[in-house]
Amino acid sequence: MPAIVLFDGDCNFCDASVQFIIRHDRHASIHFASLQSEVGQSLRTRHRIPESVDSIVYIEEGVPYLKSDAAIRIAEHLDGRWRLLRLIRFIPRPIRDHGYALFAKHRTRLFGKKEVCTLPSPDVRKRFLDR
């Protein structure tokens, strides 16, 4: 099973994050599904991810990672200097999760909601599980 990122399909920042991951995951090892999709809901149920979780979730080898742990795991797949983002793991989890939660709480107010979906190329489209 590939690594999977579940994301808020209505959030502009989450969409931009998915586009960023696609550009910087040179091995195309991460697949995607929106939390609102049928696949996303199925994965949420299977991995007991609470309904209150509405931002990025990373699932690898059947283990879901939330908040800053998800961001760290995603950073491990990125190319170039972006891999350095994984170094935030050395900040104590309560501190990094607080910062993550604060940003996540205000992301739609800061970046807005999606009105139109981007149509990805066929190569990118096959990485989305909820086609």
N, C-alpha and C. Protein backbone atom coordinates (compact mmCIF):
# COMPACT_ATOMS: atom_id res chain seq x y z
N MET A 1 0.84 -1.18 0.00
CA MET A 1 0.00 0.00 0.00
C MET A 1 0.89 1.25 0.00
N PRO A 2 0.60 2.21 -0.87
CA PRO A 2 1.42 3.42 -0.91
C PRO A 2 1.15 4.31 0.31
N ALA A 3 2.06 5.23 0.56
CA ALA A 3 1.81 6.25 1.57
C ALA A 3 0.67 7.11 1.04
N ILE A 4 -0.21 7.53 1.96
CA ILE A 4 -1.40 8.29 1.56
C ILE A 4 -1.49 9.57 2.39
N VAL A 5 -1.80 10.65 1.71
CA VAL A 5 -2.12 11.91 2.39
C VAL A 5 -3.60 12.15 2.21
N LEU A 6 -4.31 12.27 3.34
CA LEU A 6 -5.70 12.70 3.33
C LEU A 6 -5.69 14.20 3.59
N PHE A 7 -6.47 14.95 2.83
CA PHE A 7 -6.45 16.40 2.96
C PHE A 7 -7.86 16.96 2.88
N ASP A 8 -8.03 18.17 3.37
CA ASP A 8 -9.31 18.87 3.29
C ASP A 8 -9.47 19.38 1.87
N GLY A 9 -10.37 18.76 1.12
CA GLY A 9 -10.56 19.11 -0.28
C GLY A 9 -11.18 20.48 -0.51
N ASP A 10 -11.66 21.12 0.54
CA ASP A 10 -12.27 22.45 0.41
C ASP A 10 -11.31 23.58 0.74
N CYS A 11 -10.15 23.26 1.26
CA CYS A 11 -9.22 24.26 1.78
C CYS A 11 -8.16 24.63 0.74
N ASN A 12 -8.04 25.92 0.44
CA ASN A 12 -7.03 26.39 -0.51
C ASN A 12 -5.61 26.05 -0.06
N PHE A 13 -5.33 26.21 1.24
CA PHE A 13 -3.99 25.91 1.72
C PHE A 13 -3.69 24.42 1.59
N CYS A 14 -4.67 23.57 1.89
CA CYS A 14 -4.46 22.12 1.76
C CYS A 14 -4.23 21.74 0.31
N ASP A 15 -4.99 22.35 -0.60
CA ASP A 15 -4.79 22.10 -2.03
C ASP A 15 -3.38 22.53 -2.45
N ALA A 16 -2.97 23.69 -2.01
CA ALA A 16 -1.62 24.18 -2.34
C ALA A 16 -0.57 23.24 -1.75
N SER A 17 -0.83 22.69 -0.56
CA SER A 17 0.11 21.74 0.06
C SER A 17 0.21 20.47 -0.77
N VAL A 18 -0.92 19.97 -1.26
CA VAL A 18 -0.91 18.77 -2.11
C VAL A 18 -0.13 19.06 -3.38
N GLN A 19 -0.35 20.21 -4.00
CA GLN A 19 0.39 20.57 -5.22
C GLN A 19 1.89 20.66 -4.94
N PHE A 20 2.24 21.19 -3.78
CA PHE A 20 3.64 21.30 -3.37
C PHE A 20 4.25 19.90 -3.22
N ILE A 21 3.53 19.01 -2.55
CA ILE A 21 4.02 17.65 -2.36
C ILE A 21 4.23 16.97 -3.71
N ILE A 22 3.26 17.13 -4.61
CA ILE A 22 3.37 16.52 -5.94
C ILE A 22 4.64 16.99 -6.65
N ARG A 23 4.91 18.30 -6.57
CA ARG A 23 6.10 18.85 -7.24
C ARG A 23 7.40 18.37 -6.62
N HIS A 24 7.40 18.11 -5.31
CA HIS A 24 8.66 17.82 -4.62
C HIS A 24 8.82 16.37 -4.17
N ASP A 25 7.87 15.52 -4.48
CA ASP A 25 7.97 14.09 -4.20
C ASP A 25 8.46 13.42 -5.48
N ARG A 26 9.75 13.47 -5.72
CA ARG A 26 10.30 13.05 -7.02
C ARG A 26 10.08 11.58 -7.32
N HIS A 27 9.84 10.77 -6.31
CA HIS A 27 9.60 9.35 -6.54
C HIS A 27 8.11 9.04 -6.67
N ALA A 28 7.28 10.06 -6.56
CA ALA A 28 5.82 9.90 -6.66
C ALA A 28 5.34 8.79 -5.73
N SER A 29 5.87 8.77 -4.52
CA SER A 29 5.55 7.70 -3.57
C SER A 29 4.32 7.97 -2.73
N ILE A 30 3.82 9.21 -2.76
CA ILE A 30 2.65 9.56 -1.96
C ILE A 30 1.43 9.63 -2.86
N HIS A 31 0.33 9.03 -2.39
CA HIS A 31 -0.96 9.12 -3.06
C HIS A 31 -1.87 10.00 -2.21
N PHE A 32 -3.00 10.41 -2.78
CA PHE A 32 -3.84 11.40 -2.12
C PHE A 32 -5.32 11.02 -2.18
N ALA A 33 -6.06 11.48 -1.17
CA ALA A 33 -7.52 11.39 -1.16
C ALA A 33 -8.03 12.52 -0.28
N SER A 34 -9.11 13.14 -0.69
CA SER A 34 -9.68 14.19 0.16
C SER A 34 -10.43 13.53 1.32
N LEU A 35 -10.44 14.18 2.45
CA LEU A 35 -11.15 13.69 3.62
C LEU A 35 -12.65 13.54 3.33
N GLN A 36 -13.17 14.37 2.44
CA GLN A 36 -14.60 14.38 2.15
C GLN A 36 -15.01 13.27 1.19
N SER A 37 -14.05 12.66 0.51
CA SER A 37 -14.37 11.64 -0.50
C SER A 37 -14.78 10.33 0.16
N GLU A 38 -15.33 9.45 -0.66
CA GLU A 38 -15.70 8.11 -0.19
C GLU A 38 -14.46 7.35 0.29
N VAL A 39 -13.38 7.44 -0.47
CA VAL A 39 -12.13 6.79 -0.07
C VAL A 39 -11.61 7.39 1.23
N GLY A 40 -11.64 8.71 1.32
CA GLY A 40 -11.18 9.38 2.54
C GLY A 40 -11.99 8.98 3.75
N GLN A 41 -13.30 8.90 3.59
CA GLN A 41 -14.17 8.50 4.71
C GLN A 41 -13.91 7.05 5.11
N SER A 42 -13.69 6.19 4.12
CA SER A 42 -13.38 4.79 4.39
C SER A 42 -12.07 4.65 5.16
N LEU A 43 -11.05 5.40 4.73
CA LEU A 43 -9.76 5.36 5.43
C LEU A 43 -9.88 5.95 6.83
N ARG A 44 -10.68 6.99 6.96
CA ARG A 44 -10.91 7.60 8.28
C ARG A 44 -11.52 6.57 9.23
N THR A 45 -12.50 5.83 8.74
CA THR A 45 -13.16 4.81 9.57
C THR A 45 -12.19 3.68 9.88
N ARG A 46 -11.51 3.17 8.86
CA ARG A 46 -10.59 2.04 9.04
C ARG A 46 -9.50 2.35 10.06
N HIS A 47 -9.00 3.59 10.05
CA HIS A 47 -7.89 3.96 10.93
C HIS A 47 -8.33 4.72 12.18
N ARG A 48 -9.66 4.76 12.38
CA ARG A 48 -10.24 5.41 13.57
C ARG A 48 -9.76 6.86 13.74
N ILE A 49 -9.79 7.59 12.65
CA ILE A 49 -9.41 8.99 12.67
C ILE A 49 -10.66 9.79 13.02
N PRO A 50 -10.63 10.53 14.12
CA PRO A 50 -11.83 11.25 14.57
C PRO A 50 -12.35 12.26 13.54
N GLU A 51 -13.66 12.47 13.54
CA GLU A 51 -14.28 13.46 12.64
C GLU A 51 -13.75 14.86 12.90
N SER A 52 -13.26 15.11 14.10
CA SER A 52 -12.73 16.45 14.43
C SER A 52 -11.45 16.76 13.66
N VAL A 53 -10.76 15.74 13.13
CA VAL A 53 -9.55 15.95 12.35
C VAL A 53 -9.97 16.42 10.96
N ASP A 54 -9.58 17.64 10.62
CA ASP A 54 -10.01 18.20 9.33
C ASP A 54 -8.85 18.79 8.53
N SER A 55 -7.64 18.41 8.89
CA SER A 55 -6.49 18.86 8.11
C SER A 55 -5.71 17.63 7.64
N ILE A 56 -4.49 17.81 7.23
CA ILE A 56 -3.73 16.73 6.61
C ILE A 56 -3.46 15.57 7.58
N VAL A 57 -3.70 14.36 7.06
CA VAL A 57 -3.40 13.10 7.75
C VAL A 57 -2.47 12.32 6.82
N TYR A 58 -1.46 11.71 7.38
CA TYR A 58 -0.54 10.89 6.60
C TYR A 58 -0.67 9.45 7.08
N ILE A 59 -0.86 8.52 6.14
CA ILE A 59 -1.00 7.11 6.49
C ILE A 59 0.10 6.34 5.77
N GLU A 60 0.87 5.59 6.56
CA GLU A 60 1.94 4.76 5.98
C GLU A 60 1.96 3.42 6.69
N GLU A 61 1.96 2.35 5.90
CA GLU A 61 1.97 1.00 6.44
C GLU A 61 0.88 0.79 7.48
N GLY A 62 -0.29 1.35 7.21
CA GLY A 62 -1.44 1.17 8.08
C GLY A 62 -1.45 2.02 9.34
N VAL A 63 -0.49 2.92 9.48
CA VAL A 63 -0.40 3.77 10.67
C VAL A 63 -0.72 5.21 10.28
N PRO A 64 -1.75 5.82 10.92
CA PRO A 64 -2.06 7.22 10.63
C PRO A 64 -1.21 8.16 11.49
N TYR A 65 -0.75 9.24 10.88
CA TYR A 65 0.00 10.27 11.59
C TYR A 65 -0.77 11.57 11.45
N LEU A 66 -0.90 12.30 12.54
CA LEU A 66 -1.67 13.53 12.57
C LEU A 66 -0.79 14.72 12.90
N LYS A 67 -1.31 15.88 12.61
CA LYS A 67 -0.69 17.16 12.96
C LYS A 67 0.77 17.22 12.52
N SER A 68 1.66 17.63 13.42
CA SER A 68 3.06 17.82 13.03
C SER A 68 3.74 16.51 12.69
N ASP A 69 3.30 15.40 13.26
CA ASP A 69 3.87 14.10 12.89
C ASP A 69 3.61 13.81 11.42
N ALA A 70 2.43 14.17 10.92
CA ALA A 70 2.11 13.99 9.50
C ALA A 70 3.05 14.84 8.64
N ALA A 71 3.25 16.09 9.03
CA ALA A 71 4.12 16.99 8.28
C ALA A 71 5.55 16.45 8.23
N ILE A 72 6.03 15.92 9.33
CA ILE A 72 7.39 15.36 9.38
C ILE A 72 7.50 14.17 8.45
N ARG A 73 6.53 13.28 8.48
CA ARG A 73 6.55 12.09 7.62
C ARG A 73 6.51 12.48 6.15
N ILE A 74 5.71 13.48 5.82
CA ILE A 74 5.64 13.95 4.44
C ILE A 74 6.99 14.53 4.02
N ALA A 75 7.61 15.31 4.90
CA ALA A 75 8.90 15.93 4.59
C ALA A 75 9.96 14.89 4.24
N GLU A 76 9.86 13.70 4.81
CA GLU A 76 10.84 12.65 4.52
C GLU A 76 10.80 12.22 3.05
N HIS A 77 9.70 12.49 2.35
CA HIS A 77 9.56 12.12 0.94
C HIS A 77 9.97 13.24 -0.02
N LEU A 78 10.20 14.42 0.50
CA LEU A 78 10.46 15.56 -0.37
C LEU A 78 11.90 15.58 -0.85
N ASP A 79 12.11 16.25 -1.96
CA ASP A 79 13.46 16.32 -2.52
C ASP A 79 14.18 17.58 -2.05
N GLY A 80 15.47 17.56 -2.26
CA GLY A 80 16.31 18.73 -1.98
C GLY A 80 16.25 19.21 -0.54
N ARG A 81 16.35 20.49 -0.41
CA ARG A 81 16.40 21.09 0.93
C ARG A 81 15.08 20.97 1.69
N TRP A 82 14.00 20.66 0.99
CA TRP A 82 12.71 20.52 1.66
C TRP A 82 12.72 19.37 2.66
N ARG A 83 13.60 18.40 2.46
CA ARG A 83 13.71 17.28 3.41
C ARG A 83 14.13 17.78 4.79
N LEU A 84 14.78 18.94 4.83
CA LEU A 84 15.22 19.49 6.11
C LEU A 84 14.05 19.82 7.03
N LEU A 85 12.86 19.97 6.47
CA LEU A 85 11.68 20.24 7.31
C LEU A 85 11.44 19.13 8.32
N ARG A 86 11.93 17.95 8.02
CA ARG A 86 11.74 16.84 8.96
C ARG A 86 12.48 17.08 10.28
N LEU A 87 13.40 18.03 10.29
CA LEU A 87 14.16 18.32 11.52
C LEU A 87 13.29 18.94 12.60
N ILE A 88 12.08 19.35 12.26
CA ILE A 88 11.20 19.89 13.32
C ILE A 88 10.84 18.80 14.33
N ARG A 89 11.16 17.53 14.01
CA ARG A 89 10.89 16.44 14.95
C ARG A 89 11.65 16.64 16.27
N PHE A 90 12.70 17.46 16.26
CA PHE A 90 13.48 17.69 17.47
C PHE A 90 12.84 18.72 18.39
N ILE A 91 11.82 19.39 17.92
CA ILE A 91 11.03 20.27 18.77
C ILE A 91 10.03 19.38 19.50
N PRO A 92 9.86 19.55 20.79
CA PRO A 92 8.91 18.68 21.52
C PRO A 92 7.52 18.70 20.88
N ARG A 93 6.91 17.52 20.76
CA ARG A 93 5.62 17.37 20.10
C ARG A 93 4.55 18.33 20.62
N PRO A 94 4.40 18.53 21.93
CA PRO A 94 3.35 19.45 22.38
C PRO A 94 3.51 20.87 21.80
N ILE A 95 4.74 21.31 21.66
CA ILE A 95 4.99 22.66 21.13
C ILE A 95 4.68 22.69 19.63
N ARG A 96 5.19 21.71 18.87
CA ARG A 96 4.94 21.72 17.43
C ARG A 96 3.48 21.46 17.11
N ASP A 97 2.81 20.60 17.89
CA ASP A 97 1.39 20.34 17.64
C ASP A 97 0.54 21.56 17.99
N HIS A 98 0.95 22.31 19.00
CA HIS A 98 0.22 23.55 19.33
C HIS A 98 0.31 24.54 18.16
N GLY A 99 1.51 24.72 17.63
CA GLY A 99 1.69 25.60 16.48
C GLY A 99 0.90 25.12 15.27
N TYR A 100 0.91 23.81 15.05
CA TYR A 100 0.17 23.22 13.93
C TYR A 100 -1.33 23.47 14.11
N ALA A 101 -1.84 23.21 15.30
CA ALA A 101 -3.27 23.38 15.56
C ALA A 101 -3.69 24.84 15.42
N LEU A 102 -2.86 25.74 15.87
CA LEU A 102 -3.17 27.17 15.76
C LEU A 102 -3.28 27.57 14.28
N PHE A 103 -2.32 27.13 13.48
CA PHE A 103 -2.36 27.44 12.05
C PHE A 103 -3.57 26.78 11.39
N ALA A 104 -3.80 25.49 11.68
CA ALA A 104 -4.91 24.74 11.07
C ALA A 104 -6.26 25.39 11.39
N LYS A 105 -6.38 25.92 12.59
CA LYS A 105 -7.64 26.55 13.00
C LYS A 105 -7.98 27.76 12.13
N HIS A 106 -6.96 28.47 11.68
CA HIS A 106 -7.17 29.73 10.94
C HIS A 106 -6.88 29.62 9.44
N ARG A 107 -6.55 28.43 8.95
CA ARG A 107 -6.10 28.30 7.56
C ARG A 107 -7.17 28.71 6.54
N THR A 108 -8.43 28.35 6.78
CA THR A 108 -9.44 28.72 5.79
C THR A 108 -9.74 30.21 5.84
N ARG A 109 -9.62 30.81 7.01
CA ARG A 109 -9.82 32.26 7.10
C ARG A 109 -8.68 32.99 6.40
N LEU A 110 -7.47 32.46 6.52
CA LEU A 110 -6.31 33.09 5.91
C LEU A 110 -6.22 32.84 4.40
N PHE A 111 -6.56 31.63 3.97
CA PHE A 111 -6.35 31.23 2.58
C PHE A 111 -7.64 30.98 1.80
N GLY A 112 -8.76 30.91 2.49
CA GLY A 112 -10.04 30.72 1.83
C GLY A 112 -10.35 29.26 1.52
N LYS A 113 -11.53 29.08 0.92
CA LYS A 113 -11.99 27.74 0.53
C LYS A 113 -11.96 27.62 -0.98
N LYS A 114 -11.83 26.38 -1.45
CA LYS A 114 -11.78 26.12 -2.89
C LYS A 114 -13.16 26.30 -3.50
N GLU A 115 -13.20 27.00 -4.61
CA GLU A 115 -14.43 27.15 -5.37
C GLU A 115 -14.40 26.27 -6.61
N VAL A 116 -13.17 26.02 -7.12
CA VAL A 116 -12.98 25.23 -8.34
C VAL A 116 -11.85 24.24 -8.09
N CYS A 117 -12.02 23.02 -8.55
CA CYS A 117 -10.97 22.01 -8.42
C CYS A 117 -10.01 22.09 -9.60
N THR A 118 -8.74 21.91 -9.31
CA THR A 118 -7.72 21.86 -10.35
C THR A 118 -7.79 20.50 -11.04
N LEU A 119 -7.71 20.50 -12.35
CA LEU A 119 -7.71 19.24 -13.10
C LEU A 119 -6.26 18.83 -13.32
N PRO A 120 -5.82 17.77 -12.62
CA PRO A 120 -4.42 17.36 -12.76
C PRO A 120 -4.17 16.62 -14.07
N SER A 121 -2.90 16.54 -14.44
CA SER A 121 -2.50 15.78 -15.62
C SER A 121 -2.78 14.30 -15.36
N PRO A 122 -2.84 13.48 -16.41
CA PRO A 122 -3.08 12.04 -16.21
C PRO A 122 -2.05 11.37 -15.30
N ASP A 123 -0.77 11.77 -15.38
CA ASP A 123 0.26 11.19 -14.51
C ASP A 123 -0.01 11.50 -13.04
N VAL A 124 -0.43 12.72 -12.77
CA VAL A 124 -0.73 13.12 -11.40
C VAL A 124 -2.07 12.53 -10.97
N ARG A 125 -3.03 12.49 -11.86
CA ARG A 125 -4.37 12.01 -11.53
C ARG A 125 -4.35 10.59 -10.98
N LYS A 126 -3.46 9.75 -11.48
CA LYS A 126 -3.41 8.36 -11.01
C LYS A 126 -2.93 8.25 -9.57
N ARG A 127 -2.39 9.33 -9.00
CA ARG A 127 -1.97 9.33 -7.60
C ARG A 127 -3.11 9.68 -6.66
N PHE A 128 -4.27 10.07 -7.20
CA PHE A 128 -5.44 10.38 -6.38
C PHE A 128 -6.32 9.15 -6.29
N LEU A 129 -6.62 8.73 -5.09
CA LEU A 129 -7.36 7.50 -4.87
C LEU A 129 -8.86 7.66 -5.06
N ASP A 130 -9.34 8.88 -5.10
CA ASP A 130 -10.78 9.11 -5.20
C ASP A 130 -11.16 9.69 -6.56
N ARG A 131 -10.57 9.16 -7.61
CA ARG A 131 -10.85 9.63 -8.97
C ARG A 131 -12.27 9.31 -9.35
